[in-house]
Amino acid sequence: METKHTKAQWTLENTTGHTLRVTAGAKGFVIAEVTSDCITHFIGNTDEALANAKLIAAAPDLLNACKTVLKCKTNQYGETPELSIDLRTIIENAIEKATE
């Protein structure tokens, strides 16, 4: 699977009291903005807006973790970890959703 998203490290910034910005790279390329005052769903709910912004900022790391789990051959004891079919399907579906 080819990585198509912005490859730089994603960072969460609090640009104002109500706007959270997820940026990438040294130049601060804007990936997303989450507000707690401009979108009706988030009026007065800064905790939910912050949680959403954190999830967005962590997305590349979460995707990489999923890919790593599926590629894992052996652990530090030389054992091959077993993934249940359900867990493997959940991980594969998450990767597909993020990369389709």
PDB file of N, CA and C in Angstrom:
ATOM      1  N   MET A   1       0.826  -1.186   0.000  1.00  0.00           N
ATOM      2  CA  MET A   1       0.000   0.000   0.000  1.00  0.00           C
ATOM      3  C   MET A   1       0.869   1.249   0.000  1.00  0.00           C
ATOM      4  N   GLU A   2       0.631   2.085  -0.925  1.00  0.00           N
ATOM      5  CA  GLU A   2       1.373   3.329  -1.040  1.00  0.00           C
ATOM      6  C   GLU A   2       0.804   4.368  -0.074  1.00  0.00           C
ATOM      7  N   THR A   3       1.711   5.099   0.579  1.00  0.00           N
ATOM      8  CA  THR A   3       1.273   6.170   1.472  1.00  0.00           C
ATOM      9  C   THR A   3       0.963   7.395   0.637  1.00  0.00           C
ATOM     10  N   LYS A   4      -0.288   7.867   0.724  1.00  0.00           N
ATOM     11  CA  LYS A   4      -0.699   9.029  -0.057  1.00  0.00           C
ATOM     12  C   LYS A   4      -0.902  10.262   0.817  1.00  0.00           C
ATOM     13  N   HIS A   5      -0.990  10.076   2.138  1.00  0.00           N
ATOM     14  CA  HIS A   5      -1.212  11.230   3.014  1.00  0.00           C
ATOM     15  C   HIS A   5       0.090  12.015   3.202  1.00  0.00           C
ATOM     16  N   THR A   6      -0.017  13.188   3.762  1.00  0.00           N
ATOM     17  CA  THR A   6       1.161  14.018   4.033  1.00  0.00           C
ATOM     18  C   THR A   6       2.086  13.259   4.967  1.00  0.00           C
ATOM     19  N   LYS A   7       3.333  13.101   4.563  1.00  0.00           N
ATOM     20  CA  LYS A   7       4.253  12.213   5.270  1.00  0.00           C
ATOM     21  C   LYS A   7       4.959  12.855   6.453  1.00  0.00           C
ATOM     22  N   ALA A   8       4.958  14.156   6.580  1.00  0.00           N
ATOM     23  CA  ALA A   8       5.631  14.808   7.698  1.00  0.00           C
ATOM     24  C   ALA A   8       4.913  14.506   9.014  1.00  0.00           C
ATOM     25  N   GLN A   9       5.594  14.727  10.126  1.00  0.00           N
ATOM     26  CA  GLN A   9       4.986  14.544  11.448  1.00  0.00           C
ATOM     27  C   GLN A   9       3.796  15.487  11.612  1.00  0.00           C
ATOM     28  N   TRP A  10       2.675  14.972  12.085  1.00  0.00           N
ATOM     29  CA  TRP A  10       1.478  15.782  12.302  1.00  0.00           C
ATOM     30  C   TRP A  10       1.489  16.282  13.741  1.00  0.00           C
ATOM     31  N   THR A  11       1.187  17.569  13.907  1.00  0.00           N
ATOM     32  CA  THR A  11       1.259  18.214  15.206  1.00  0.00           C
ATOM     33  C   THR A  11      -0.052  18.927  15.511  1.00  0.00           C
ATOM     34  N   LEU A  12      -0.457  18.877  16.758  1.00  0.00           N
ATOM     35  CA  LEU A  12      -1.656  19.575  17.202  1.00  0.00           C
ATOM     36  C   LEU A  12      -1.251  20.918  17.792  1.00  0.00           C
ATOM     37  N   GLU A  13      -1.864  21.996  17.293  1.00  0.00           N
ATOM     38  CA  GLU A  13      -1.591  23.343  17.786  1.00  0.00           C
ATOM     39  C   GLU A  13      -2.890  23.985  18.241  1.00  0.00           C
ATOM     40  N   ASN A  14      -2.826  24.740  19.317  1.00  0.00           N
ATOM     41  CA  ASN A  14      -3.979  25.514  19.768  1.00  0.00           C
ATOM     42  C   ASN A  14      -3.766  26.937  19.259  1.00  0.00           C
ATOM     43  N   THR A  15      -4.440  27.297  18.168  1.00  0.00           N
ATOM     44  CA  THR A  15      -4.203  28.593  17.531  1.00  0.00           C
ATOM     45  C   THR A  15      -4.969  29.721  18.199  1.00  0.00           C
ATOM     46  N   THR A  16      -6.105  29.425  18.783  1.00  0.00           N
ATOM     47  CA  THR A  16      -6.870  30.396  19.567  1.00  0.00           C
ATOM     48  C   THR A  16      -7.508  29.621  20.703  1.00  0.00           C
ATOM     49  N   GLY A  17      -8.309  30.265  21.472  1.00  0.00           N
ATOM     50  CA  GLY A  17      -8.996  29.551  22.534  1.00  0.00           C
ATOM     51  C   GLY A  17     -10.018  28.564  22.008  1.00  0.00           C
ATOM     52  N   HIS A  18     -10.447  28.732  20.748  1.00  0.00           N
ATOM     53  CA  HIS A  18     -11.522  27.896  20.213  1.00  0.00           C
ATOM     54  C   HIS A  18     -11.125  27.078  18.992  1.00  0.00           C
ATOM     55  N   THR A  19      -9.936  27.300  18.451  1.00  0.00           N
ATOM     56  CA  THR A  19      -9.541  26.598  17.235  1.00  0.00           C
ATOM     57  C   THR A  19      -8.298  25.763  17.489  1.00  0.00           C
ATOM     58  N   LEU A  20      -8.373  24.506  17.106  1.00  0.00           N
ATOM     59  CA  LEU A  20      -7.243  23.586  17.175  1.00  0.00           C
ATOM     60  C   LEU A  20      -6.853  23.265  15.740  1.00  0.00           C
ATOM     61  N   ARG A  21      -5.583  23.317  15.453  1.00  0.00           N
ATOM     62  CA  ARG A  21      -5.117  23.082  14.095  1.00  0.00           C
ATOM     63  C   ARG A  21      -4.136  21.914  14.100  1.00  0.00           C
ATOM     64  N   VAL A  22      -4.342  20.989  13.181  1.00  0.00           N
ATOM     65  CA  VAL A  22      -3.407  19.888  12.977  1.00  0.00           C
ATOM     66  C   VAL A  22      -2.561  20.263  11.769  1.00  0.00           C
ATOM     67  N   THR A  23      -1.248  20.330  11.977  1.00  0.00           N
ATOM     68  CA  THR A  23      -0.332  20.739  10.908  1.00  0.00           C
ATOM     69  C   THR A  23       0.711  19.663  10.670  1.00  0.00           C
ATOM     70  N   ALA A  24       1.409  19.785   9.539  1.00  0.00           N
ATOM     71  CA  ALA A  24       2.454  18.822   9.200  1.00  0.00           C
ATOM     72  C   ALA A  24       3.707  19.557   8.762  1.00  0.00           C
ATOM     73  N   GLY A  25       4.838  19.042   9.198  1.00  0.00           N
ATOM     74  CA  GLY A  25       6.121  19.552   8.749  1.00  0.00           C
ATOM     75  C   GLY A  25       6.519  20.880   9.363  1.00  0.00           C
ATOM     76  N   ALA A  26       7.758  21.282   9.049  1.00  0.00           N
ATOM     77  CA  ALA A  26       8.324  22.506   9.604  1.00  0.00           C
ATOM     78  C   ALA A  26       7.580  23.761   9.163  1.00  0.00           C
ATOM     79  N   LYS A  27       6.987  23.727   7.982  1.00  0.00           N
ATOM     80  CA  LYS A  27       6.275  24.899   7.475  1.00  0.00           C
ATOM     81  C   LYS A  27       4.834  24.970   7.978  1.00  0.00           C
ATOM     82  N   GLY A  28       4.389  23.959   8.689  1.00  0.00           N
ATOM     83  CA  GLY A  28       3.057  23.980   9.279  1.00  0.00           C
ATOM     84  C   GLY A  28       1.928  23.849   8.285  1.00  0.00           C
ATOM     85  N   PHE A  29       2.085  22.968   7.286  1.00  0.00           N
ATOM     86  CA  PHE A  29       1.013  22.705   6.322  1.00  0.00           C
ATOM     87  C   PHE A  29      -0.239  22.286   7.080  1.00  0.00           C
ATOM     88  N   VAL A  30      -1.355  22.955   6.863  1.00  0.00           N
ATOM     89  CA  VAL A  30      -2.580  22.679   7.619  1.00  0.00           C
ATOM     90  C   VAL A  30      -3.269  21.426   7.077  1.00  0.00           C
ATOM     91  N   ILE A  31      -3.436  20.447   7.954  1.00  0.00           N
ATOM     92  CA  ILE A  31      -4.143  19.206   7.636  1.00  0.00           C
ATOM     93  C   ILE A  31      -5.626  19.376   7.958  1.00  0.00           C
ATOM     94  N   ALA A  32      -5.918  19.955   9.136  1.00  0.00           N
ATOM     95  CA  ALA A  32      -7.307  20.107   9.576  1.00  0.00           C
ATOM     96  C   ALA A  32      -7.399  21.169  10.662  1.00  0.00           C
ATOM     97  N   GLU A  33      -8.580  21.760  10.757  1.00  0.00           N
ATOM     98  CA  GLU A  33      -8.894  22.653  11.868  1.00  0.00           C
ATOM     99  C   GLU A  33     -10.159  22.148  12.538  1.00  0.00           C
ATOM    100  N   VAL A  34     -10.135  22.120  13.847  1.00  0.00           N
ATOM    101  CA  VAL A  34     -11.298  21.706  14.623  1.00  0.00           C
ATOM    102  C   VAL A  34     -11.628  22.854  15.554  1.00  0.00           C
ATOM    103  N   THR A  35     -12.877  23.285  15.530  1.00  0.00           N
ATOM    104  CA  THR A  35     -13.271  24.410  16.376  1.00  0.00           C
ATOM    105  C   THR A  35     -14.345  23.989  17.365  1.00  0.00           C
ATOM    106  N   SER A  36     -14.446  24.759  18.417  1.00  0.00           N
ATOM    107  CA  SER A  36     -15.491  24.493  19.404  1.00  0.00           C
ATOM    108  C   SER A  36     -16.522  25.608  19.419  1.00  0.00           C
ATOM    109  N   ASP A  37     -16.445  26.528  18.456  1.00  0.00           N
ATOM    110  CA  ASP A  37     -17.421  27.617  18.445  1.00  0.00           C
ATOM    111  C   ASP A  37     -18.045  27.884  17.081  1.00  0.00           C
ATOM    112  N   CYS A  38     -17.486  27.335  16.022  1.00  0.00           N
ATOM    113  CA  CYS A  38     -17.993  27.638  14.678  1.00  0.00           C
ATOM    114  C   CYS A  38     -18.824  26.511  14.079  1.00  0.00           C
ATOM    115  N   ILE A  39     -18.687  25.336  14.609  1.00  0.00           N
ATOM    116  CA  ILE A  39     -19.449  24.203  14.088  1.00  0.00           C
ATOM    117  C   ILE A  39     -20.515  23.871  15.127  1.00  0.00           C
ATOM    118  N   THR A  40     -21.758  23.856  14.733  1.00  0.00           N
ATOM    119  CA  THR A  40     -22.879  23.684  15.644  1.00  0.00           C
ATOM    120  C   THR A  40     -22.684  22.489  16.572  1.00  0.00           C
ATOM    121  N   HIS A  41     -22.187  21.397  16.034  1.00  0.00           N
ATOM    122  CA  HIS A  41     -22.031  20.181  16.832  1.00  0.00           C
ATOM    123  C   HIS A  41     -21.128  20.405  18.033  1.00  0.00           C
ATOM    124  N   PHE A  42     -20.152  21.306  17.906  1.00  0.00           N
ATOM    125  CA  PHE A  42     -19.162  21.482  18.962  1.00  0.00           C
ATOM    126  C   PHE A  42     -19.386  22.709  19.823  1.00  0.00           C
ATOM    127  N   ILE A  43     -20.507  23.403  19.670  1.00  0.00           N
ATOM    128  CA  ILE A  43     -20.715  24.605  20.468  1.00  0.00           C
ATOM    129  C   ILE A  43     -20.608  24.257  21.939  1.00  0.00           C
ATOM    130  N   GLY A  44     -19.679  24.910  22.591  1.00  0.00           N
ATOM    131  CA  GLY A  44     -19.502  24.715  24.020  1.00  0.00           C
ATOM    132  C   GLY A  44     -18.860  23.400  24.406  1.00  0.00           C
ATOM    133  N   ASN A  45     -18.457  22.595  23.468  1.00  0.00           N
ATOM    134  CA  ASN A  45     -17.894  21.302  23.806  1.00  0.00           C
ATOM    135  C   ASN A  45     -16.428  21.240  23.400  1.00  0.00           C
ATOM    136  N   THR A  46     -15.592  21.956  24.119  1.00  0.00           N
ATOM    137  CA  THR A  46     -14.176  21.998  23.783  1.00  0.00           C
ATOM    138  C   THR A  46     -13.486  20.672  24.055  1.00  0.00           C
ATOM    139  N   ASP A  47     -13.966  19.891  25.028  1.00  0.00           N
ATOM    140  CA  ASP A  47     -13.355  18.587  25.303  1.00  0.00           C
ATOM    141  C   ASP A  47     -13.497  17.652  24.104  1.00  0.00           C
ATOM    142  N   GLU A  48     -14.677  17.638  23.493  1.00  0.00           N
ATOM    143  CA  GLU A  48     -14.899  16.783  22.327  1.00  0.00           C
ATOM    144  C   GLU A  48     -14.086  17.278  21.140  1.00  0.00           C
ATOM    145  N   ALA A  49     -14.018  18.591  20.948  1.00  0.00           N
ATOM    146  CA  ALA A  49     -13.218  19.146  19.856  1.00  0.00           C
ATOM    147  C   ALA A  49     -11.749  18.783  20.041  1.00  0.00           C
ATOM    148  N   LEU A  50     -11.245  18.877  21.261  1.00  0.00           N
ATOM    149  CA  LEU A  50      -9.852  18.523  21.539  1.00  0.00           C
ATOM    150  C   LEU A  50      -9.609  17.041  21.274  1.00  0.00           C
ATOM    151  N   ALA A  51     -10.534  16.191  21.703  1.00  0.00           N
ATOM    152  CA  ALA A  51     -10.393  14.749  21.472  1.00  0.00           C
ATOM    153  C   ALA A  51     -10.369  14.440  19.978  1.00  0.00           C
ATOM    154  N   ASN A  52     -11.226  15.100  19.202  1.00  0.00           N
ATOM    155  CA  ASN A  52     -11.242  14.892  17.751  1.00  0.00           C
ATOM    156  C   ASN A  52      -9.941  15.355  17.118  1.00  0.00           C
ATOM    157  N   ALA A  53      -9.441  16.504  17.540  1.00  0.00           N
ATOM    158  CA  ALA A  53      -8.191  17.024  16.984  1.00  0.00           C
ATOM    159  C   ALA A  53      -7.020  16.106  17.322  1.00  0.00           C
ATOM    160  N   LYS A  54      -6.984  15.574  18.531  1.00  0.00           N
ATOM    161  CA  LYS A  54      -5.920  14.642  18.923  1.00  0.00           C
ATOM    162  C   LYS A  54      -5.968  13.377  18.067  1.00  0.00           C
ATOM    163  N   LEU A  55      -7.171  12.875  17.800  1.00  0.00           N
ATOM    164  CA  LEU A  55      -7.324  11.679  16.972  1.00  0.00           C
ATOM    165  C   LEU A  55      -6.839  11.942  15.553  1.00  0.00           C
ATOM    166  N   ILE A  56      -7.165  13.098  15.007  1.00  0.00           N
ATOM    167  CA  ILE A  56      -6.700  13.460  13.668  1.00  0.00           C
ATOM    168  C   ILE A  56      -5.176  13.537  13.650  1.00  0.00           C
ATOM    169  N   ALA A  57      -4.586  14.192  14.648  1.00  0.00           N
ATOM    170  CA  ALA A  57      -3.128  14.339  14.700  1.00  0.00           C
ATOM    171  C   ALA A  57      -2.423  12.986  14.829  1.00  0.00           C
ATOM    172  N   ALA A  58      -3.065  12.035  15.490  1.00  0.00           N
ATOM    173  CA  ALA A  58      -2.462  10.712  15.696  1.00  0.00           C
ATOM    174  C   ALA A  58      -2.688   9.763  14.526  1.00  0.00           C
ATOM    175  N   ALA A  59      -3.509  10.135  13.559  1.00  0.00           N
ATOM    176  CA  ALA A  59      -3.894   9.229  12.470  1.00  0.00           C
ATOM    177  C   ALA A  59      -2.706   8.565  11.760  1.00  0.00           C
ATOM    178  N   PRO A  60      -1.670   9.298  11.352  1.00  0.00           N
ATOM    179  CA  PRO A  60      -0.555   8.617  10.673  1.00  0.00           C
ATOM    180  C   PRO A  60       0.127   7.581  11.565  1.00  0.00           C
ATOM    181  N   ASP A  61       0.267   7.889  12.856  1.00  0.00           N
ATOM    182  CA  ASP A  61       0.894   6.945  13.776  1.00  0.00           C
ATOM    183  C   ASP A  61       0.022   5.708  13.976  1.00  0.00           C
ATOM    184  N   LEU A  62      -1.288   5.913  14.052  1.00  0.00           N
ATOM    185  CA  LEU A  62      -2.209   4.780  14.198  1.00  0.00           C
ATOM    186  C   LEU A  62      -2.190   3.888  12.959  1.00  0.00           C
ATOM    187  N   LEU A  63      -2.154   4.498  11.784  1.00  0.00           N
ATOM    188  CA  LEU A  63      -2.079   3.735  10.541  1.00  0.00           C
ATOM    189  C   LEU A  63      -0.785   2.929  10.486  1.00  0.00           C
ATOM    190  N   ASN A  64       0.313   3.552  10.848  1.00  0.00           N
ATOM    191  CA  ASN A  64       1.604   2.871  10.853  1.00  0.00           C
ATOM    192  C   ASN A  64       1.596   1.711  11.853  1.00  0.00           C
ATOM    193  N   ALA A  65       0.984   1.903  13.019  1.00  0.00           N
ATOM    194  CA  ALA A  65       0.907   0.832  14.010  1.00  0.00           C
ATOM    195  C   ALA A  65       0.110  -0.358  13.471  1.00  0.00           C
ATOM    196  N   CYS A  66      -0.991  -0.086  12.801  1.00  0.00           N
ATOM    197  CA  CYS A  66      -1.790  -1.172  12.211  1.00  0.00           C
ATOM    198  C   CYS A  66      -0.983  -1.937  11.173  1.00  0.00           C
ATOM    199  N   LYS A  67      -0.290  -1.224  10.302  1.00  0.00           N
ATOM    200  CA  LYS A  67       0.519  -1.878   9.273  1.00  0.00           C
ATOM    201  C   LYS A  67       1.634  -2.708   9.907  1.00  0.00           C
ATOM    202  N   THR A  68       2.236  -2.192  10.966  1.00  0.00           N
ATOM    203  CA  THR A  68       3.324  -2.893  11.646  1.00  0.00           C
ATOM    204  C   THR A  68       2.830  -4.183  12.275  1.00  0.00           C
ATOM    205  N   VAL A  69       1.666  -4.146  12.903  1.00  0.00           N
ATOM    206  CA  VAL A  69       1.106  -5.348  13.526  1.00  0.00           C
ATOM    207  C   VAL A  69       0.905  -6.445  12.482  1.00  0.00           C
ATOM    208  N   LEU A  70       0.390  -6.086  11.314  1.00  0.00           N
ATOM    209  CA  LEU A  70       0.149  -7.104  10.281  1.00  0.00           C
ATOM    210  C   LEU A  70       1.441  -7.665   9.712  1.00  0.00           C
ATOM    211  N   LYS A  71       2.519  -6.869   9.727  1.00  0.00           N
ATOM    212  CA  LYS A  71       3.805  -7.335   9.187  1.00  0.00           C
ATOM    213  C   LYS A  71       4.629  -8.112  10.208  1.00  0.00           C
ATOM    214  N   CYS A  72       4.240  -8.052  11.471  1.00  0.00           N
ATOM    215  CA  CYS A  72       5.031  -8.630  12.552  1.00  0.00           C
ATOM    216  C   CYS A  72       5.221 -10.134  12.341  1.00  0.00           C
ATOM    217  N   LYS A  73       6.454 -10.566  12.347  1.00  0.00           N
ATOM    218  CA  LYS A  73       6.765 -11.985  12.147  1.00  0.00           C
ATOM    219  C   LYS A  73       7.057 -12.671  13.473  1.00  0.00           C
ATOM    220  N   THR A  74       7.954 -12.088  14.272  1.00  0.00           N
ATOM    221  CA  THR A  74       8.295 -12.696  15.553  1.00  0.00           C
ATOM    222  C   THR A  74       8.434 -11.608  16.614  1.00  0.00           C
ATOM    223  N   ASN A  75       8.256 -12.001  17.862  1.00  0.00           N
ATOM    224  CA  ASN A  75       8.473 -11.070  18.962  1.00  0.00           C
ATOM    225  C   ASN A  75       9.878 -11.254  19.516  1.00  0.00           C
ATOM    226  N   GLN A  76      10.178 -10.593  20.635  1.00  0.00           N
ATOM    227  CA  GLN A  76      11.536 -10.659  21.188  1.00  0.00           C
ATOM    228  C   GLN A  76      11.913 -12.045  21.685  1.00  0.00           C
ATOM    229  N   TYR A  77      10.938 -12.950  21.817  1.00  0.00           N
ATOM    230  CA  TYR A  77      11.206 -14.316  22.259  1.00  0.00           C
ATOM    231  C   TYR A  77      11.271 -15.294  21.094  1.00  0.00           C
ATOM    232  N   GLY A  78      11.204 -14.780  19.874  1.00  0.00           N
ATOM    233  CA  GLY A  78      11.251 -15.633  18.702  1.00  0.00           C
ATOM    234  C   GLY A  78       9.928 -16.301  18.385  1.00  0.00           C
ATOM    235  N   GLU A  79       8.876 -15.864  19.053  1.00  0.00           N
ATOM    236  CA  GLU A  79       7.555 -16.448  18.831  1.00  0.00           C
ATOM    237  C   GLU A  79       6.800 -15.649  17.776  1.00  0.00           C
ATOM    238  N   THR A  80       6.019 -16.342  16.976  1.00  0.00           N
ATOM    239  CA  THR A  80       5.181 -15.672  15.986  1.00  0.00           C
ATOM    240  C   THR A  80       3.841 -15.355  16.637  1.00  0.00           C
ATOM    241  N   PRO A  81       3.505 -14.063  16.755  1.00  0.00           N
ATOM    242  CA  PRO A  81       2.224 -13.728  17.388  1.00  0.00           C
ATOM    243  C   PRO A  81       1.052 -14.146  16.511  1.00  0.00           C
ATOM    244  N   GLU A  82       0.038 -14.648  17.148  1.00  0.00           N
ATOM    245  CA  GLU A  82      -1.170 -15.053  16.437  1.00  0.00           C
ATOM    246  C   GLU A  82      -2.209 -13.949  16.565  1.00  0.00           C
ATOM    247  N   LEU A  83      -2.812 -13.577  15.465  1.00  0.00           N
ATOM    248  CA  LEU A  83      -3.915 -12.636  15.490  1.00  0.00           C
ATOM    249  C   LEU A  83      -5.186 -13.418  15.197  1.00  0.00           C
ATOM    250  N   SER A  84      -6.196 -13.184  15.998  1.00  0.00           N
ATOM    251  CA  SER A  84      -7.459 -13.844  15.694  1.00  0.00           C
ATOM    252  C   SER A  84      -7.942 -13.329  14.342  1.00  0.00           C
ATOM    253  N   ILE A  85      -8.763 -14.121  13.694  1.00  0.00           N
ATOM    254  CA  ILE A  85      -9.309 -13.710  12.397  1.00  0.00           C
ATOM    255  C   ILE A  85     -10.080 -12.413  12.545  1.00  0.00           C
ATOM    256  N   ASP A  86     -10.825 -12.266  13.649  1.00  0.00           N
ATOM    257  CA  ASP A  86     -11.589 -11.046  13.879  1.00  0.00           C
ATOM    258  C   ASP A  86     -10.676  -9.834  14.015  1.00  0.00           C
ATOM    259  N   LEU A  87      -9.597  -9.974  14.797  1.00  0.00           N
ATOM    260  CA  LEU A  87      -8.672  -8.855  14.989  1.00  0.00           C
ATOM    261  C   LEU A  87      -7.970  -8.503  13.686  1.00  0.00           C
ATOM    262  N   ARG A  88      -7.528  -9.504  12.950  1.00  0.00           N
ATOM    263  CA  ARG A  88      -6.877  -9.250  11.656  1.00  0.00           C
ATOM    264  C   ARG A  88      -7.837  -8.514  10.720  1.00  0.00           C
ATOM    265  N   THR A  89      -9.085  -8.923  10.698  1.00  0.00           N
ATOM    266  CA  THR A  89     -10.087  -8.275   9.840  1.00  0.00           C
ATOM    267  C   THR A  89     -10.314  -6.828  10.257  1.00  0.00           C
ATOM    268  N   ILE A  90     -10.400  -6.576  11.548  1.00  0.00           N
ATOM    269  CA  ILE A  90     -10.573  -5.205  12.045  1.00  0.00           C
ATOM    270  C   ILE A  90      -9.403  -4.328  11.604  1.00  0.00           C
ATOM    271  N   ILE A  91      -8.190  -4.835  11.759  1.00  0.00           N
ATOM    272  CA  ILE A  91      -6.995  -4.057  11.378  1.00  0.00           C
ATOM    273  C   ILE A  91      -6.971  -3.830   9.871  1.00  0.00           C
ATOM    274  N   GLU A  92      -7.218  -4.875   9.102  1.00  0.00           N
ATOM    275  CA  GLU A  92      -7.223  -4.729   7.640  1.00  0.00           C
ATOM    276  C   GLU A  92      -8.296  -3.746   7.180  1.00  0.00           C
ATOM    277  N   ASN A  93      -9.471  -3.795   7.792  1.00  0.00           N
ATOM    278  CA  ASN A  93     -10.542  -2.861   7.429  1.00  0.00           C
ATOM    279  C   ASN A  93     -10.175  -1.422   7.782  1.00  0.00           C
ATOM    280  N   ALA A  94      -9.517  -1.218   8.919  1.00  0.00           N
ATOM    281  CA  ALA A  94      -9.094   0.122   9.312  1.00  0.00           C
ATOM    282  C   ALA A  94      -8.057   0.674   8.330  1.00  0.00           C
ATOM    283  N   ILE A  95      -7.114  -0.165   7.918  1.00  0.00           N
ATOM    284  CA  ILE A  95      -6.098   0.261   6.954  1.00  0.00           C
ATOM    285  C   ILE A  95      -6.765   0.607   5.630  1.00  0.00           C
ATOM    286  N   GLU A  96      -7.682  -0.243   5.182  1.00  0.00           N
ATOM    287  CA  GLU A  96      -8.384   0.009   3.927  1.00  0.00           C
ATOM    288  C   GLU A  96      -9.171   1.325   3.992  1.00  0.00           C
ATOM    289  N   LYS A  97      -9.860   1.543   5.084  1.00  0.00           N
ATOM    290  CA  LYS A  97     -10.648   2.781   5.243  1.00  0.00           C
ATOM    291  C   LYS A  97      -9.748   4.010   5.190  1.00  0.00           C
ATOM    292  N   ALA A  98      -8.556   3.897   5.756  1.00  0.00           N
ATOM    293  CA  ALA A  98      -7.636   5.033   5.795  1.00  0.00           C
ATOM    294  C   ALA A  98      -6.909   5.260   4.473  1.00  0.00           C
ATOM    295  N   THR A  99      -6.844   4.225   3.635  1.00  0.00           N
ATOM    296  CA  THR A  99      -6.012   4.340   2.438  1.00  0.00           C
ATOM    297  C   THR A  99      -6.764   4.209   1.131  1.00  0.00           C
ATOM    298  N   GLU A 100      -8.070   3.942   1.160  1.00  0.00           N
ATOM    299  CA  GLU A 100      -8.799   3.733  -0.092  1.00  0.00           C
ATOM    300  C   GLU A 100      -8.979   5.024  -0.865  1.00  0.00           C
TER     301      GLU A 100
END
